[in-house]
Protein backbone atom coordinates (compact mmCIF):
# COMPACT_ATOMS: atom_id res chain seq x y z
CA MET A 1 162.47 6.47 128.23
CA SER A 2 163.32 5.71 124.62
CA ASN A 3 166.72 4.33 123.75
CA MET A 4 166.39 5.17 120.04
CA THR A 5 166.77 8.02 117.61
CA ARG A 6 165.48 8.38 114.10
CA GLY A 7 165.64 4.34 114.15
CA GLU A 8 169.24 4.50 115.67
CA LEU A 9 170.29 2.82 119.27
CA LEU A 10 171.65 5.28 121.51
CA CYS A 11 174.21 4.32 124.42
CA PRO A 12 172.75 4.40 128.09
CA LEU A 13 175.42 6.67 129.05
CA LEU A 14 174.42 8.88 125.79
CA GLN A 15 170.62 8.38 126.86
CA ASP A 16 171.28 10.47 129.78
CA MET A 17 173.08 13.25 127.84
CA GLN A 18 170.14 13.46 125.86
CA ASN A 19 167.89 14.22 128.90
CA HIS A 20 170.13 16.62 130.57
CA SER A 21 169.95 20.22 130.03
CA ASN A 22 173.15 22.18 130.10
CA ASN A 23 173.26 25.06 132.11
CA ASN A 24 175.09 27.16 129.43
CA ASN A 25 172.72 30.24 128.90
CA ASN A 26 175.11 32.55 130.03
CA LYS A 27 175.27 34.96 126.77
CA GLU A 28 178.21 37.16 128.10
CA ALA A 29 180.11 34.27 129.06
CA ASN A 30 179.23 32.47 125.90
CA SER A 31 180.77 35.59 123.81
CA VAL A 32 183.64 35.89 125.75
CA VAL A 33 184.74 32.07 124.64
CA VAL A 34 183.42 32.76 121.40
CA CYS A 35 185.64 35.61 120.77
CA ILE A 36 188.79 33.90 122.47
CA HIS A 37 187.88 30.88 120.33
CA GLY A 38 187.84 33.29 117.27
CA LEU A 39 191.57 35.01 118.21
CA PHE A 40 192.64 31.26 118.38
CA SER A 41 191.30 30.50 115.13
CA CYS A 42 192.89 33.70 113.19
CA LEU A 43 196.19 33.14 114.85
CA GLY A 44 196.36 29.39 114.52
CA ILE A 45 195.07 29.43 111.04
CA LEU A 46 197.89 32.34 109.76
CA GLU A 47 200.86 31.03 111.65
CA ASN A 48 200.33 27.39 110.16
CA ALA A 49 199.49 28.98 106.90
CA LEU A 50 202.87 30.92 106.93
CA ILE A 51 205.05 28.14 107.99
CA LEU A 52 203.24 25.87 104.89
CA TRP A 53 204.08 28.87 102.80
CA VAL A 54 207.20 29.42 103.49
CA VAL A 55 208.87 25.82 104.31
CA GLY A 56 206.62 24.04 101.70
CA PHE A 57 206.79 26.39 98.60
CA ARG A 58 209.72 28.82 99.28
CA LEU A 59 212.67 26.84 100.53
CA ARG A 60 215.56 26.34 97.98
CA GLN A 61 216.75 22.92 99.59
CA ARG A 62 214.77 20.27 101.77
CA THR A 63 216.09 19.07 105.06
CA VAL A 64 215.02 16.39 107.73
CA ALA A 65 214.14 19.11 109.89
CA SER A 66 212.03 21.01 107.38
CA VAL A 67 210.24 17.70 106.59
CA TRP A 68 209.22 17.60 110.27
CA VAL A 69 208.11 21.30 110.38
CA LEU A 70 206.05 20.82 107.07
CA ASN A 71 203.97 17.79 108.28
CA LEU A 72 203.52 19.35 111.71
CA ALA A 73 202.12 22.50 110.19
CA MET A 74 199.88 20.69 107.97
CA SER A 75 198.29 18.78 110.76
CA ASP A 76 198.18 21.60 112.74
CA PHE A 77 196.79 23.70 109.85
CA LEU A 78 194.08 21.19 109.59
CA ALA A 79 193.27 21.37 113.01
CA THR A 80 192.86 24.79 113.49
CA LEU A 81 190.72 25.25 110.11
CA THR A 82 187.83 23.33 112.18
CA LEU A 83 188.42 25.67 114.89
CA PRO A 84 185.15 27.98 113.44
CA LEU A 85 183.30 24.99 113.53
CA PHE A 86 183.74 24.09 117.07
CA THR A 87 183.17 27.84 117.76
CA SER A 88 180.00 27.78 116.41
CA TYR A 89 179.07 25.02 118.40
CA LEU A 90 180.09 27.08 121.52
CA TYR A 91 178.16 30.34 119.66
CA TYR A 92 174.84 28.20 119.68
CA SER A 93 175.20 27.78 123.72
CA HIS A 94 176.41 24.25 123.25
CA SER A 95 174.56 23.20 120.53
CA TRP A 96 175.95 21.82 116.91
CA GLU A 97 173.69 22.99 114.12
CA LEU A 98 176.12 22.12 111.35
CA GLY A 99 174.63 18.85 110.21
CA ASN A 100 176.25 15.35 110.64
CA PRO A 101 178.63 15.26 107.48
CA LEU A 102 180.20 18.42 109.56
CA CYS A 103 180.15 16.86 112.99
CA LYS A 104 182.32 13.98 111.71
CA THR A 105 184.55 15.93 109.42
CA GLN A 106 185.64 18.35 112.56
CA ALA A 107 186.19 15.18 115.18
CA SER A 108 187.64 13.03 112.60
CA ILE A 109 190.35 15.75 111.99
CA PHE A 110 190.73 16.72 115.79
CA PHE A 111 191.59 13.28 116.40
CA LEU A 112 193.88 13.02 113.23
CA ASN A 113 195.51 16.00 114.48
CA MET A 114 195.99 14.58 117.85
CA PHE A 115 197.54 11.52 117.02
CA VAL A 116 199.96 13.23 114.23
CA SER A 117 201.09 15.85 116.32
CA ALA A 118 202.03 13.21 118.94
CA PHE A 119 203.58 11.17 116.55
CA LEU A 120 205.82 14.07 114.90
CA LEU A 121 206.68 15.53 118.33
CA ALA A 122 208.29 12.18 119.46
CA ALA A 123 209.98 11.32 116.25
CA ILE A 124 211.30 15.23 115.86
CA SER A 125 212.91 14.30 120.15
CA LEU A 126 214.26 10.86 118.76
CA ASP A 127 215.80 13.01 115.58
CA ARG A 128 217.68 15.48 118.05
CA LEU A 129 218.77 12.23 119.97
CA LEU A 130 219.94 10.32 117.59
CA LEU A 131 222.09 13.60 115.93
CA VAL A 132 223.60 13.80 119.36
CA VAL A 133 224.29 10.25 120.35
CA LYS A 134 224.79 8.54 116.97
CA PRO A 135 226.35 11.39 114.67
CA VAL A 136 228.33 8.98 112.32
CA TRP A 137 225.18 7.05 111.27
CA CYS A 138 223.30 10.11 110.94
CA GLN A 139 225.57 11.14 108.68
CA ASN A 140 225.07 7.88 106.81
CA HIS A 141 221.66 6.69 106.67
CA ARG A 142 219.63 9.85 108.07
CA SER A 143 217.97 11.38 104.81
CA VAL A 144 215.06 13.79 103.59
CA ALA A 145 213.58 10.68 102.05
CA GLY A 146 213.42 8.55 105.46
CA ALA A 147 211.75 11.38 106.96
CA TRP A 148 209.30 11.03 104.47
CA LYS A 149 208.62 7.53 105.29
CA VAL A 150 208.41 8.21 108.74
CA CYS A 151 205.96 11.33 108.21
CA ALA A 152 204.04 8.59 105.79
CA LEU A 153 204.08 5.99 108.39
CA GLY A 154 202.81 8.73 110.97
CA TRP A 155 199.88 9.68 108.80
CA LEU A 156 198.91 6.21 107.99
CA TRP A 157 199.10 5.20 111.82
CA ALA A 158 196.98 8.15 112.55
CA ALA A 159 193.98 7.25 109.63
CA ILE A 160 193.78 3.87 111.42
CA ASN A 161 193.49 5.17 114.75
CA THR A 162 191.04 8.24 113.93
CA LEU A 163 188.59 5.62 111.84
CA PRO A 164 186.70 4.65 115.03
CA TYR A 165 185.67 8.24 115.91
CA THR A 166 184.80 8.86 112.47
CA LEU A 167 182.67 5.92 112.27
CA PHE A 168 181.06 6.24 115.64
CA ARG A 169 180.19 10.17 115.60
CA SER A 170 176.83 11.45 114.88
CA VAL A 171 174.51 14.05 115.65
CA ILE A 172 171.48 13.29 118.51
CA LYS A 173 169.20 15.44 118.82
CA LYS A 174 168.30 16.33 122.88
CA HIS A 175 165.11 16.72 124.45
CA ASP A 176 166.10 20.77 124.94
CA GLY A 177 166.24 21.16 121.46
CA ARG A 178 169.81 21.37 120.96
CA ASN A 179 172.39 19.16 119.13
CA LEU A 180 174.88 16.95 120.59
CA CYS A 181 177.52 16.02 118.07
CA TYR A 182 179.05 13.06 119.95
CA HIS A 183 180.38 9.56 119.74
CA ASN A 184 177.60 6.96 119.67
CA PHE A 185 179.02 3.42 120.10
CA ALA A 186 175.98 1.59 119.73
CA LEU A 187 175.99 2.87 115.99
CA ILE A 188 177.34 0.21 114.17
CA LEU A 189 177.10 -3.68 114.32
CA SER A 190 174.96 -3.10 117.76
CA SER A 191 171.99 -4.99 118.96
CA GLN A 192 169.46 -4.25 121.82
CA ALA A 193 170.91 -7.10 123.37
CA THR A 194 174.39 -6.36 123.11
CA LEU A 195 173.94 -2.70 123.44
CA GLU A 196 175.16 -2.26 126.94
CA ARG A 197 178.32 -4.70 126.50
CA ASP A 198 178.81 -3.22 123.05
CA CYS A 199 179.23 0.32 124.68
CA LYS A 200 181.16 -0.12 127.54
CA VAL A 201 183.84 -2.07 125.33
CA ARG A 202 184.10 0.31 122.60
CA HIS A 203 183.90 3.35 124.87
CA ALA A 204 186.71 1.57 126.82
CA ALA A 205 188.65 0.75 123.86
CA THR A 206 188.79 4.29 122.31
CA ALA A 207 189.62 6.25 125.54
CA ILE A 208 192.32 3.81 126.94
CA SER A 209 194.01 3.61 123.19
CA LYS A 210 194.31 7.39 122.57
CA LEU A 211 195.51 7.99 126.42
CA LEU A 212 198.34 5.47 126.06
CA LEU A 213 198.74 6.23 121.89
CA ALA A 214 198.48 9.81 121.78
CA PHE A 215 199.35 11.43 125.22
CA LEU A 216 201.49 8.82 127.50
CA PHE A 217 203.46 7.01 125.34
CA PRO A 218 204.74 10.14 123.02
CA LEU A 219 205.15 12.18 126.24
CA ALA A 220 207.63 9.51 127.35
CA VAL A 221 209.35 9.83 124.58
CA ILE A 222 209.71 13.19 124.53
CA ALA A 223 210.62 13.81 128.05
CA GLY A 224 213.17 10.74 127.83
CA SER A 225 214.82 12.12 124.69
CA TYR A 226 215.06 15.78 125.76
CA ILE A 227 216.42 15.08 129.24
CA GLN A 228 219.12 12.57 127.76
CA ILE A 229 220.29 15.05 125.32
CA GLY A 230 220.29 17.36 128.36
CA LEU A 231 222.20 14.96 130.32
CA ILE A 232 224.49 14.65 127.04
CA LEU A 233 225.34 17.96 127.12
CA ARG A 234 225.28 18.98 131.13
CA LYS A 235 229.00 20.11 130.52
CA ARG A 236 228.58 22.39 128.14
CA SER A 237 227.96 26.20 128.99
CA LYS A 238 224.93 28.30 127.50
CA ARG A 239 222.71 25.41 128.31
CA ARG A 240 220.09 27.80 129.99
CA ASN A 241 218.20 28.29 126.83
CA PHE A 242 217.99 24.81 125.79
CA ILE A 243 216.49 23.44 129.48
CA LYS A 244 214.09 26.47 129.14
CA MET A 245 213.08 25.69 125.56
CA VAL A 246 212.74 21.71 126.31
CA THR A 247 210.81 22.57 129.68
CA PHE A 248 208.15 24.74 127.30
CA VAL A 249 208.10 21.95 124.77
CA ILE A 250 206.88 19.12 127.34
CA ALA A 251 205.05 21.31 129.48
CA ALA A 252 202.97 22.90 126.39
CA PHE A 253 202.28 19.31 124.92
CA ALA A 254 201.19 17.84 128.40
CA LEU A 255 199.31 20.68 129.63
CA CYS A 256 197.42 21.41 126.41
CA TRP A 257 196.42 17.70 126.24
CA ALA A 258 196.24 16.31 130.03
CA PRO A 259 193.02 17.94 130.71
CA TYR A 260 191.44 16.81 127.61
CA HIS A 261 192.29 13.10 128.53
CA ILE A 262 191.82 13.12 132.17
CA PHE A 263 187.73 14.17 131.24
CA CYS A 264 187.59 11.53 129.10
CA MET A 265 188.71 9.08 131.52
CA ILE A 266 186.22 10.57 134.29
CA GLU A 267 183.59 10.54 131.40
CA LEU A 268 184.61 6.40 131.26
CA THR A 269 184.05 5.80 134.76
CA ALA A 270 180.57 7.88 134.47
CA GLN A 271 178.88 4.55 132.75
CA TYR A 272 179.23 3.42 136.21
CA ARG A 273 178.83 6.65 138.10
CA ARG A 274 176.22 8.53 136.84
CA ASN A 275 177.08 11.76 139.23
CA ASN A 276 180.38 12.09 136.70
CA LEU A 277 178.34 13.09 133.95
CA SER A 278 177.45 16.58 135.15
CA LEU A 279 181.15 17.07 135.57
CA VAL A 280 181.99 15.51 131.97
CA GLU A 281 179.35 17.83 130.54
CA VAL A 282 180.70 20.98 131.91
CA GLY A 283 184.39 20.11 131.29
CA LEU A 284 185.35 18.11 128.23
CA PRO A 285 184.22 21.18 126.10
CA LEU A 286 186.55 23.09 128.36
CA ALA A 287 189.42 20.69 127.95
CA THR A 288 188.71 20.44 124.29
CA THR A 289 189.44 24.57 124.21
CA ILE A 290 192.34 23.30 125.78
CA ALA A 291 193.75 20.98 123.55
CA PHE A 292 192.87 23.18 120.44
CA LEU A 293 195.47 25.45 122.05
CA ASN A 294 198.30 22.79 121.06
CA PRO A 295 198.02 23.64 117.45
CA VAL A 296 198.64 27.21 118.29
CA LEU A 297 201.39 26.89 120.39
CA ASN A 298 203.29 24.49 118.18
CA PRO A 299 204.54 26.94 115.71
CA ILE A 300 205.82 29.25 118.63
CA LEU A 301 207.76 26.38 120.11
CA TYR A 302 208.93 24.41 117.35
CA ALA A 303 209.71 27.48 114.83
CA PHE A 304 209.99 30.77 116.71
CA SER A 305 212.22 28.98 119.44
CA CYS A 306 215.34 30.39 117.57
CA PRO A 307 218.07 31.72 119.53
CA HIS A 308 217.95 35.60 119.07
CA PHE A 309 214.64 35.44 117.26
CA CYS A 310 213.95 39.01 117.95
CA GLU A 311 217.14 40.16 116.11
CA LYS A 312 216.10 37.80 112.93
CA ILE A 313 212.62 38.77 112.81
CA ARG A 314 213.97 41.83 111.38
CA GLN A 315 215.66 40.18 108.63
CA SER A 316 212.81 38.77 105.64
CA LEU A 317 210.33 36.11 106.57
CA GLY A 318 212.02 34.08 104.02
CA ALA A 319 215.42 34.26 105.61
CA VAL A 320 214.05 33.77 109.15
CA PHE A 321 212.24 30.47 108.19
CA ALA A 322 215.40 29.53 106.36
CA THR A 323 217.43 29.30 109.48
CA LEU A 324 214.93 27.82 111.47
CA VAL A 325 214.79 24.73 109.39
CA GLU A 326 218.36 24.48 108.86
CA GLU A 327 220.04 21.52 111.02
CA GLU A 328 222.29 24.09 113.10
CA GLY A 329 219.26 26.64 113.81
CA GLY A 330 216.41 26.33 115.60
CA LEU A 331 214.63 23.09 116.39
CA LEU A 332 216.24 22.25 119.11
CA MET A 333 219.70 23.31 118.45
CA VAL A 334 222.14 22.10 120.52
CA PRO A 335 223.16 24.79 123.30
CA GLY A 336 226.06 27.19 122.22
CA LYS A 337 227.27 24.88 119.77
CA SER A 338 225.26 23.65 116.34
CA ILE A 339 224.41 20.37 115.48
CA ARG A 340 226.52 19.72 112.90
CA ALA A 341 229.62 21.41 114.77
CA HIS A 342 229.04 18.71 117.37
CA ILE A 343 228.88 16.22 114.54
CA ARG A 344 231.76 16.95 113.16
CA ARG A 345 233.90 17.05 116.89
CA LYS A 346 232.39 13.69 117.36
CA SER A 347 232.85 12.21 114.19
CA SER A 348 236.77 13.16 114.48
CA ARG A 349 237.08 11.27 117.55
CA ASP A 350 234.81 8.31 116.70
CA VAL A 351 235.84 7.69 113.45
CA SER A 352 239.60 5.94 112.91
CA PRO A 353 241.71 7.15 110.06
CA ALA A 354 240.43 5.10 106.70
CA THR A 355 242.41 3.95 103.73
CA PRO A 356 241.91 6.03 100.51
CA GLY A 357 238.59 5.27 98.97
CA SER A 358 237.11 4.41 101.83
CA ARG A 359 233.61 5.73 101.98
CA LYS A 360 233.55 6.39 106.15
CA GLY A 361 236.49 7.99 105.81
CA SER A 362 235.81 10.34 103.23
CA LEU A 363 232.58 11.47 104.43
CA SER A 364 232.35 14.61 105.67
CA PRO A 365 229.32 16.12 106.76
CA SER A 366 228.79 18.73 103.96
CA LYS A 367 228.28 15.79 101.99
CA SER A 368 225.50 14.33 104.32
CA PRO A 369 222.45 14.19 102.67
CA ASP A 370 220.72 16.19 104.97
CA ILE A 371 223.45 18.13 106.84
CA GLN A 372 223.95 20.92 104.49
CA GLN A 373 225.55 24.54 104.42
CA PRO A 374 223.03 27.33 105.35
CA PHE A 375 221.04 28.38 102.76
CA PRO A 376 219.99 31.69 101.55
CA LEU A 377 216.13 32.50 100.60
CA THR A 378 215.23 35.09 98.49
CA LEU A 379 211.38 36.14 98.63
């Protein structure tokens, strides 16, 4: 068995995958999956494009919440744009027919979205927690410019983590005539003598890092922040909607990404237990499909979770989205009370009377850089 393809070294695990013939010839099942993917593609692209257009171009005044939504929608929009490419892979019976450049592009955007969305969802959770726990600090320091800096840091951090997946992505010709768009960790700076060690170390490093940095750590931040908010607000009325929404947020993130990371870890063990390889070849594409649901669900959870949405949908789309990205509506609104009202109450208790001319004493929520009066939006 040769370990070379077009002069390139192949990892031992990839050599075994090259020899395997997948049983994906059921045309009826493939047609159903392709149709579902097509629906996901259309829905995801449309809803994320709608949010980008309204929040990015039709909003009169920018808020911190709108910055989070805009960047999340940007990441999700890029991910949903690549869904047709993955649908094409499924259409051709799990064979990549679009060439190496699009293989690298699709993989890069997928992993970029994975890291960016995890970062932003964690940032949104911490932002909501700070608004409840440190309202006075938020009045003085929380700003739109600061939110943009955090988002820029998130994109940079995600790009750095995505780089290995871009460099090691390649199209490999299988012996059954199909093409495999997969990571080949022997592609760069590897030799025949160090092949097995390089593949195992690089595979383990990427699998464990994305499990920790794009799933477990963000999930802990998201769950911890919302649980803390719930405990702080536990004595208030009308918290049922809040608990329900928080449950949906955590469950959607966990359920969409958990299968993918589980199969990535099974794939890692397949280097030592080759029997797991068949399970990975069948389960990983399905888990990836479920992961693609996250960019489709995010707009629903983080934009359409506004209370009384059925009533608001009767308004113009612009007015709906203007309300959704205000600090006192949508995006984890404090149950029964707006975040702004919560800040006013807590500020009045926490801030002692200041002398005339004192900055903190004269600061009111309406003068905060990001806590603003509701703004109308005309289309």
